[in-house]
Amino acid sequence: KIIFYTKILEIAENDDGIATIMAHEMAHVLARHGKERMSQAIAFNILSNVVFGPSGNAMIDVLAQLGFFLPFSRHQEAEADYLGLVFLCAFVRVRHCAALFLR
C-alpha cells in the first residue's frame, strides 16, 4: 500500500502529479538515502562522544545539523528529484514530466 497525506494530493492535482511524487519517493529508496542518513548519524555520535564525552554538547548538535546534515539532506532531495525525473521520462512517459517537479 502507498499512503499520501491529503495536502500533497492538493499539490499533485492529477494522476501525473501523483506519479511524480511516487517517482521521487522511489528514488529515495533506490538511492538508499535512509541508510546514508543513519550511517552519518552513527558516525557523528561516535565522533561527538570521543571529542566531547558521553554527555555531549547541545550546541555541537545544532551546529552539526546546520552545517552538515541539512546541506546533505538538500543534496539527497536534489538527487531524488533527478532520479524521479529520469524514472518518469524513461519508464512512465508522463507528459510534461519536467514541469511537474517545478511545483
Protein backbone atom coordinates (compact mmCIF):
# COMPACT_ATOMS: atom_id res chain seq x y z
CA LYS A 1 0.00 0.00 0.00
CA ILE A 2 1.04 3.56 -0.64
CA ILE A 3 -0.24 6.32 1.60
CA PHE A 4 -0.38 10.01 0.75
CA TYR A 5 -1.23 12.86 3.08
CA THR A 6 -4.24 14.78 1.80
CA LYS A 7 -2.31 18.05 1.48
CA ILE A 8 0.15 16.52 -1.00
CA LEU A 9 -2.79 15.37 -3.13
CA GLU A 10 -3.83 19.02 -3.48
CA ILE A 11 -0.34 19.81 -4.78
CA ALA A 12 -0.32 16.78 -7.09
CA GLU A 13 -3.56 17.94 -8.75
CA ASN A 14 -3.86 14.84 -11.01
CA ASP A 15 -2.51 11.37 -11.78
CA ASP A 16 0.66 12.79 -13.36
CA GLY A 17 1.40 14.68 -10.15
CA ILE A 18 0.87 11.54 -8.06
CA ALA A 19 3.21 9.62 -10.37
CA THR A 20 5.81 12.37 -9.89
CA ILE A 21 5.59 12.15 -6.10
CA MET A 22 5.83 8.35 -6.22
CA ALA A 23 8.87 8.50 -8.53
CA HIS A 24 10.60 10.95 -6.17
CA GLU A 25 9.95 8.73 -3.14
CA MET A 26 11.03 5.59 -5.01
CA ALA A 27 14.27 7.38 -5.90
CA HIS A 28 14.98 7.93 -2.18
CA VAL A 29 14.62 4.19 -1.60
CA LEU A 30 16.74 3.14 -4.59
CA ALA A 31 19.47 5.65 -3.68
CA ARG A 32 19.45 4.30 -0.10
CA HIS A 33 19.13 7.74 1.43
CA GLY A 34 17.71 6.37 4.69
CA LYS A 35 20.76 4.17 5.19
CA GLU A 36 23.10 7.05 4.36
CA ARG A 37 21.49 9.29 6.97
CA MET A 38 21.59 6.54 9.59
CA SER A 39 25.29 5.89 8.93
CA GLN A 40 26.08 9.59 9.17
CA ALA A 41 24.19 9.94 12.44
CA ILE A 42 26.02 6.97 13.96
CA ALA A 43 29.40 8.30 12.82
CA PHE A 44 28.60 11.75 14.21
CA ASN A 45 27.52 10.30 17.57
CA ILE A 46 30.70 8.25 17.87
CA LEU A 47 32.89 11.24 16.98
CA SER A 48 30.95 13.52 19.31
CA ASN A 49 31.34 11.05 22.19
CA VAL A 50 35.07 10.75 21.59
CA VAL A 51 35.63 14.52 21.41
CA PHE A 52 33.10 15.83 23.95
CA GLY A 53 32.36 12.81 26.11
CA PRO A 54 29.13 10.90 26.57
CA SER A 55 27.26 13.91 27.99
CA GLY A 56 27.62 15.65 24.62
CA ASN A 57 27.13 19.27 23.81
CA ALA A 58 23.79 20.62 22.57
CA MET A 59 25.48 23.45 20.67
CA ILE A 60 27.62 20.98 18.73
CA ASP A 61 24.48 19.02 17.80
CA VAL A 62 22.81 22.18 16.47
CA LEU A 63 25.92 23.18 14.50
CA ALA A 64 26.16 19.67 13.05
CA GLN A 65 22.54 19.85 11.93
CA LEU A 66 23.02 23.22 10.26
CA GLY A 67 26.50 22.65 8.87
CA PHE A 68 26.42 19.03 7.80
CA PHE A 69 23.09 17.19 7.99
CA LEU A 70 20.83 19.83 6.40
CA PRO A 71 23.06 20.56 3.39
CA PHE A 72 23.46 16.82 2.81
CA SER A 73 19.69 16.42 3.08
CA ARG A 74 19.28 19.03 0.34
CA HIS A 75 21.70 17.05 -1.81
CA GLN A 76 19.61 13.91 -1.29
CA GLU A 77 16.41 15.76 -2.22
CA ALA A 78 18.03 17.08 -5.41
CA GLU A 79 19.25 13.58 -6.25
CA ALA A 80 15.77 12.13 -5.66
CA ASP A 81 14.29 14.84 -7.89
CA TYR A 82 16.74 14.00 -10.67
CA LEU A 83 16.27 10.23 -10.41
CA GLY A 84 12.50 10.60 -10.17
CA LEU A 85 12.52 12.70 -13.31
CA VAL A 86 14.60 10.05 -15.10
CA PHE A 87 12.15 7.33 -13.99
CA LEU A 88 9.16 9.30 -15.19
CA CYS A 89 10.59 10.22 -18.54
CA ALA A 90 12.14 6.82 -19.23
CA PHE A 91 9.50 4.42 -17.96
CA VAL A 92 6.18 6.12 -17.43
CA ARG A 93 6.33 8.72 -20.20
CA VAL A 94 4.35 11.25 -18.22
CA ARG A 95 3.69 14.27 -20.40
CA HIS A 96 5.43 17.42 -19.23
CA CYS A 97 7.32 15.47 -16.57
CA ALA A 98 9.91 18.22 -16.01
CA ALA A 99 7.19 20.78 -15.26
CA LEU A 100 5.76 18.54 -12.55
CA PHE A 101 8.94 18.85 -10.49
CA LEU A 102 8.72 22.62 -10.53
CA ARG A 103 5.50 22.64 -8.48
